[in-house]
PDB file of N, CA and C in Angstrom:
ATOM      1  N   MET A   1     127.827 137.922  91.505  1.00  0.00           N
ATOM      2  CA  MET A   1     127.423 136.822  91.458  1.00  0.00           C
ATOM      3  C   MET A   1     127.929 136.013  92.303  1.00  0.00           C
ATOM      4  N   LYS A   2     127.048 134.965  92.758  1.00  0.00           N
ATOM      5  CA  LYS A   2     127.657 134.253  93.870  1.00  0.00           C
ATOM      6  C   LYS A   2     127.309 132.950  93.494  1.00  0.00           C
ATOM      7  N   TRP A   3     128.262 131.854  94.659  1.00  0.00           N
ATOM      8  CA  TRP A   3     128.637 130.463  94.142  1.00  0.00           C
ATOM      9  C   TRP A   3     127.169 130.310  93.525  1.00  0.00           C
ATOM     10  N   THR A   4     125.991 130.448  94.271  1.00  0.00           N
ATOM     11  CA  THR A   4     124.850 129.758  94.147  1.00  0.00           C
ATOM     12  C   THR A   4     123.668 130.135  93.365  1.00  0.00           C
ATOM     13  N   ASP A   5     124.436 131.212  92.004  1.00  0.00           N
ATOM     14  CA  ASP A   5     124.128 131.747  90.741  1.00  0.00           C
ATOM     15  C   ASP A   5     124.328 130.229  89.702  1.00  0.00           C
ATOM     16  N   ILE A   6     123.795 129.006  90.216  1.00  0.00           N
ATOM     17  CA  ILE A   6     124.164 128.420  89.267  1.00  0.00           C
ATOM     18  C   ILE A   6     124.243 128.408  88.255  1.00  0.00           C
ATOM     19  N   HIS A   7     123.008 128.877  87.550  1.00  0.00           N
ATOM     20  CA  HIS A   7     122.417 129.119  85.842  1.00  0.00           C
ATOM     21  C   HIS A   7     122.987 129.697  85.560  1.00  0.00           C
ATOM     22  N   GLN A   8     123.503 131.661  85.968  1.00  0.00           N
ATOM     23  CA  GLN A   8     124.264 132.642  85.748  1.00  0.00           C
ATOM     24  C   GLN A   8     125.229 132.251  85.464  1.00  0.00           C
ATOM     25  N   ILE A   9     125.780 131.156  86.305  1.00  0.00           N
ATOM     26  CA  ILE A   9     127.190 131.053  85.931  1.00  0.00           C
ATOM     27  C   ILE A   9     127.783 130.495  85.182  1.00  0.00           C
ATOM     28  N   ALA A  10     126.658 129.313  84.964  1.00  0.00           N
ATOM     29  CA  ALA A  10     127.201 128.581  83.495  1.00  0.00           C
ATOM     30  C   ALA A  10     126.864 128.927  82.280  1.00  0.00           C
ATOM     31  N   ILE A  11     125.670 130.393  81.957  1.00  0.00           N
ATOM     32  CA  ILE A  11     125.469 130.904  81.162  1.00  0.00           C
ATOM     33  C   ILE A  11     127.172 131.740  80.563  1.00  0.00           C
ATOM     34  N   CYS A  12     128.078 132.059  81.690  1.00  0.00           N
ATOM     35  CA  CYS A  12     128.603 133.157  81.245  1.00  0.00           C
ATOM     36  C   CYS A  12     130.137 132.027  80.938  1.00  0.00           C
ATOM     37  N   LEU A  13     130.190 130.670  81.521  1.00  0.00           N
ATOM     38  CA  LEU A  13     131.005 129.727  81.115  1.00  0.00           C
ATOM     39  C   LEU A  13     131.236 129.528  79.994  1.00  0.00           C
ATOM     40  N   ALA A  14     129.501 129.188  79.170  1.00  0.00           N
ATOM     41  CA  ALA A  14     129.445 128.532  77.808  1.00  0.00           C
ATOM     42  C   ALA A  14     129.370 129.687  76.929  1.00  0.00           C
ATOM     43  N   ASP A  15     129.768 131.254  77.427  1.00  0.00           N
ATOM     44  CA  ASP A  15     130.137 132.703  76.361  1.00  0.00           C
ATOM     45  C   ASP A  15     131.634 132.421  76.925  1.00  0.00           C
ATOM     46  N   SER A  16     132.003 132.388  77.601  1.00  0.00           N
ATOM     47  CA  SER A  16     133.567 132.271  78.014  1.00  0.00           C
ATOM     48  C   SER A  16     134.122 131.392  77.406  1.00  0.00           C
ATOM     49  N   LYS A  17     134.286 130.301  77.417  1.00  0.00           N
ATOM     50  CA  LYS A  17     134.988 129.225  76.842  1.00  0.00           C
ATOM     51  C   LYS A  17     133.654 128.015  76.263  1.00  0.00           C
ATOM     52  N   PRO A  18     133.737 128.637  74.809  1.00  0.00           N
ATOM     53  CA  PRO A  18     132.478 128.211  74.032  1.00  0.00           C
ATOM     54  C   PRO A  18     133.722 126.808  73.853  1.00  0.00           C
ATOM     55  N   ASP A  19     134.858 126.572  73.207  1.00  0.00           N
ATOM     56  CA  ASP A  19     135.207 126.084  72.872  1.00  0.00           C
ATOM     57  C   ASP A  19     135.608 124.451  73.876  1.00  0.00           C
ATOM     58  N   THR A  20     135.377 124.986  74.715  1.00  0.00           N
ATOM     59  CA  THR A  20     135.486 123.553  76.684  1.00  0.00           C
ATOM     60  C   THR A  20     134.208 122.500  76.500  1.00  0.00           C
ATOM     61  N   ASP A  21     134.239 121.742  76.342  1.00  0.00           N
ATOM     62  CA  ASP A  21     133.643 120.807  76.976  1.00  0.00           C
ATOM     63  C   ASP A  21     133.374 120.478  78.388  1.00  0.00           C
ATOM     64  N   PRO A  22     132.412 121.166  78.405  1.00  0.00           N
ATOM     65  CA  PRO A  22     132.310 120.776  80.264  1.00  0.00           C
ATOM     66  C   PRO A  22     132.022 119.266  81.187  1.00  0.00           C
ATOM     67  N   ARG A  23     131.892 118.821  80.370  1.00  0.00           N
ATOM     68  CA  ARG A  23     132.154 117.432  80.609  1.00  0.00           C
ATOM     69  C   ARG A  23     133.425 116.593  81.528  1.00  0.00           C
ATOM     70  N   TYR A  24     134.538 117.767  80.680  1.00  0.00           N
ATOM     71  CA  TYR A  24     136.027 117.030  80.275  1.00  0.00           C
ATOM     72  C   TYR A  24     136.944 118.149  81.934  1.00  0.00           C
ATOM     73  N   VAL A  25     136.176 118.737  82.358  1.00  0.00           N
ATOM     74  CA  VAL A  25     136.881 119.722  82.971  1.00  0.00           C
ATOM     75  C   VAL A  25     136.744 119.191  84.427  1.00  0.00           C
ATOM     76  N   ASN A  26     138.260 119.305  84.838  1.00  0.00           N
ATOM     77  CA  ASN A  26     138.776 119.492  86.413  1.00  0.00           C
ATOM     78  C   ASN A  26     137.932 120.153  87.422  1.00  0.00           C
ATOM     79  N   PHE A  27     137.708 120.104  88.548  1.00  0.00           N
ATOM     80  CA  PHE A  27     136.838 121.195  89.809  1.00  0.00           C
ATOM     81  C   PHE A  27     138.091 122.054  90.335  1.00  0.00           C
ATOM     82  N   VAL A  28     139.077 121.810  90.094  1.00  0.00           N
ATOM     83  CA  VAL A  28     140.138 123.117  90.130  1.00  0.00           C
ATOM     84  C   VAL A  28     140.423 123.854  89.231  1.00  0.00           C
ATOM     85  N   ASP A  29     139.869 123.721  87.755  1.00  0.00           N
ATOM     86  CA  ASP A  29     140.157 124.734  86.758  1.00  0.00           C
ATOM     87  C   ASP A  29     138.594 125.181  86.749  1.00  0.00           C
ATOM     88  N   LEU A  30     137.694 124.366  87.114  1.00  0.00           N
ATOM     89  CA  LEU A  30     136.151 125.258  87.493  1.00  0.00           C
ATOM     90  C   LEU A  30     136.155 125.979  88.368  1.00  0.00           C
ATOM     91  N   ARG A  31     136.542 125.957  89.095  1.00  0.00           N
ATOM     92  CA  ARG A  31     136.419 126.783  90.573  1.00  0.00           C
ATOM     93  C   ARG A  31     137.031 128.202  90.044  1.00  0.00           C
ATOM     94  N   ASN A  32     138.466 128.208  89.471  1.00  0.00           N
ATOM     95  CA  ASN A  32     139.501 129.110  89.028  1.00  0.00           C
ATOM     96  C   ASN A  32     138.853 129.731  88.023  1.00  0.00           C
ATOM     97  N   TRP A  33     138.194 129.369  86.981  1.00  0.00           N
ATOM     98  CA  TRP A  33     137.760 130.125  86.188  1.00  0.00           C
ATOM     99  C   TRP A  33     135.987 130.784  86.626  1.00  0.00           C
ATOM    100  N   VAL A  34     135.358 130.033  87.530  1.00  0.00           N
ATOM    101  CA  VAL A  34     134.112 130.502  87.832  1.00  0.00           C
ATOM    102  C   VAL A  34     134.887 132.038  88.616  1.00  0.00           C
ATOM    103  N   MET A  35     135.677 131.965  89.856  1.00  0.00           N
ATOM    104  CA  MET A  35     136.110 132.754  90.486  1.00  0.00           C
ATOM    105  C   MET A  35     136.862 134.050  89.350  1.00  0.00           C
ATOM    106  N   ALA A  36     137.077 133.713  88.337  1.00  0.00           N
ATOM    107  CA  ALA A  36     137.687 134.817  87.083  1.00  0.00           C
ATOM    108  C   ALA A  36     136.664 135.288  86.455  1.00  0.00           C
ATOM    109  N   LEU A  37     135.598 134.858  86.363  1.00  0.00           N
ATOM    110  CA  LEU A  37     134.387 135.798  85.720  1.00  0.00           C
ATOM    111  C   LEU A  37     133.896 137.489  86.101  1.00  0.00           C
ATOM    112  N   PRO A  38     134.199 137.678  85.455  1.00  0.00           N
ATOM    113  CA  PRO A  38     134.143 139.248  85.803  1.00  0.00           C
ATOM    114  C   PRO A  38     133.291 139.778  86.785  1.00  0.00           C
ATOM    115  N   ASP A  39     131.333 139.435  86.418  1.00  0.00           N
ATOM    116  CA  ASP A  39     130.695 139.621  87.257  1.00  0.00           C
ATOM    117  C   ASP A  39     130.533 138.882  88.536  1.00  0.00           C
ATOM    118  N   PHE A  40     131.647 137.638  88.969  1.00  0.00           N
ATOM    119  CA  PHE A  40     131.297 136.852  90.482  1.00  0.00           C
ATOM    120  C   PHE A  40     132.580 137.538  91.397  1.00  0.00           C
ATOM    121  N   ASN A  41     131.956 137.867  92.357  1.00  0.00           N
ATOM    122  CA  ASN A  41     131.914 138.590  93.868  1.00  0.00           C
ATOM    123  C   ASN A  41     131.786 137.611  95.028  1.00  0.00           C
ATOM    124  N   ASP A  42     132.032 136.398  95.462  1.00  0.00           N
ATOM    125  CA  ASP A  42     131.785 135.640  96.313  1.00  0.00           C
ATOM    126  C   ASP A  42     133.180 134.987  96.977  1.00  0.00           C
ATOM    127  N   ASP A  43     132.920 134.748  98.051  1.00  0.00           N
ATOM    128  CA  ASP A  43     133.802 134.061  98.800  1.00  0.00           C
ATOM    129  C   ASP A  43     134.636 133.003  98.366  1.00  0.00           C
ATOM    130  N   PRO A  44     135.646 132.846  97.731  1.00  0.00           N
ATOM    131  CA  PRO A  44     136.031 131.290  97.628  1.00  0.00           C
ATOM    132  C   PRO A  44     135.677 130.243  98.656  1.00  0.00           C
ATOM    133  N   LYS A  45     135.856 130.254  99.675  1.00  0.00           N
ATOM    134  CA  LYS A  45     135.736 129.155 101.042  1.00  0.00           C
ATOM    135  C   LYS A  45     134.169 128.689 100.863  1.00  0.00           C
ATOM    136  N   HIS A  46     133.455 129.362 100.104  1.00  0.00           N
ATOM    137  CA  HIS A  46     131.787 128.826 100.041  1.00  0.00           C
ATOM    138  C   HIS A  46     131.803 127.463  99.196  1.00  0.00           C
ATOM    139  N   SER A  47     132.856 127.771  98.184  1.00  0.00           N
ATOM    140  CA  SER A  47     132.525 127.112  97.080  1.00  0.00           C
ATOM    141  C   SER A  47     132.483 125.345  97.664  1.00  0.00           C
ATOM    142  N   GLY A  48     132.127 124.652  97.034  1.00  0.00           N
ATOM    143  CA  GLY A  48     132.671 123.183  97.292  1.00  0.00           C
ATOM    144  C   GLY A  48     132.056 121.811  96.413  1.00  0.00           C
ATOM    145  N   GLU A  49     132.470 120.855  96.598  1.00  0.00           N
ATOM    146  CA  GLU A  49     131.770 119.962  95.498  1.00  0.00           C
ATOM    147  C   GLU A  49     130.644 119.664  95.035  1.00  0.00           C
ATOM    148  N   LYS A  50     129.798 119.749  95.699  1.00  0.00           N
ATOM    149  CA  LYS A  50     128.083 120.035  95.522  1.00  0.00           C
ATOM    150  C   LYS A  50     128.159 121.081  94.606  1.00  0.00           C
ATOM    151  N   ILE A  51     128.648 122.228  94.744  1.00  0.00           N
ATOM    152  CA  ILE A  51     128.664 123.631  93.603  1.00  0.00           C
ATOM    153  C   ILE A  51     129.065 123.673  92.618  1.00  0.00           C
ATOM    154  N   LEU A  52     129.921 123.024  92.607  1.00  0.00           N
ATOM    155  CA  LEU A  52     131.007 122.784  91.687  1.00  0.00           C
ATOM    156  C   LEU A  52     130.294 121.545  90.589  1.00  0.00           C
ATOM    157  N   GLU A  53     129.985 120.710  91.031  1.00  0.00           N
ATOM    158  CA  GLU A  53     128.647 119.878  90.507  1.00  0.00           C
ATOM    159  C   GLU A  53     127.590 120.569  89.883  1.00  0.00           C
ATOM    160  N   ALA A  54     127.032 121.152  90.601  1.00  0.00           N
ATOM    161  CA  ALA A  54     126.050 121.768  90.097  1.00  0.00           C
ATOM    162  C   ALA A  54     125.832 122.705  89.163  1.00  0.00           C
ATOM    163  N   ILE A  55     127.037 123.748  88.685  1.00  0.00           N
ATOM    164  CA  ILE A  55     127.432 124.535  87.711  1.00  0.00           C
ATOM    165  C   ILE A  55     128.498 123.343  86.680  1.00  0.00           C
ATOM    166  N   GLN A  56     128.798 122.496  86.339  1.00  0.00           N
ATOM    167  CA  GLN A  56     128.969 121.852  85.845  1.00  0.00           C
ATOM    168  C   GLN A  56     127.826 121.470  85.286  1.00  0.00           C
ATOM    169  N   ALA A  57     126.798 120.562  85.514  1.00  0.00           N
ATOM    170  CA  ALA A  57     125.813 119.898  84.927  1.00  0.00           C
ATOM    171  C   ALA A  57     124.957 120.945  84.455  1.00  0.00           C
ATOM    172  N   ALA A  58     124.815 122.278  85.102  1.00  0.00           N
ATOM    173  CA  ALA A  58     124.111 123.699  84.335  1.00  0.00           C
ATOM    174  C   ALA A  58     124.765 124.019  82.476  1.00  0.00           C
ATOM    175  N   TRP A  59     126.170 123.689  82.825  1.00  0.00           N
ATOM    176  CA  TRP A  59     127.025 124.286  81.626  1.00  0.00           C
ATOM    177  C   TRP A  59     126.851 123.126  80.817  1.00  0.00           C
ATOM    178  N   ILE A  60     126.838 122.015  81.281  1.00  0.00           N
ATOM    179  CA  ILE A  60     126.593 120.649  79.979  1.00  0.00           C
ATOM    180  C   ILE A  60     125.679 120.834  79.729  1.00  0.00           C
ATOM    181  N   GLU A  61     123.979 121.137  80.035  1.00  0.00           N
ATOM    182  CA  GLU A  61     123.102 121.012  79.719  1.00  0.00           C
ATOM    183  C   GLU A  61     122.986 122.894  79.543  1.00  0.00           C
ATOM    184  N   GLU A  62     123.705 123.803  79.412  1.00  0.00           N
ATOM    185  CA  GLU A  62     123.460 124.890  78.770  1.00  0.00           C
ATOM    186  C   GLU A  62     124.234 124.868  76.797  1.00  0.00           C
ATOM    187  N   ASN A  63     125.517 123.882  77.147  1.00  0.00           N
ATOM    188  CA  ASN A  63     125.715 123.391  76.055  1.00  0.00           C
ATOM    189  C   ASN A  63     125.199 122.661  74.731  1.00  0.00           C
ATOM    190  N   GLU A  64     123.994 122.299  74.919  1.00  0.00           N
ATOM    191  CA  GLU A  64     123.087 120.921  74.574  1.00  0.00           C
ATOM    192  C   GLU A  64     121.861 121.871  73.742  1.00  0.00           C
TER     193      GLU A  64
END
């Protein structure tokens, strides 16, 4: 997975962190959790606030 695989990342986060409310996750934790996903293999430097916001929004949507 790459940073741009926003929906796939959101699904993986929802599965791996079922008790976490994504509305209250800070971007430092979110970035670390994404990088820790087993299938994630992108350059950490390619993450940014806009990508993290999009992942968070997709994760919120996935939980609804």
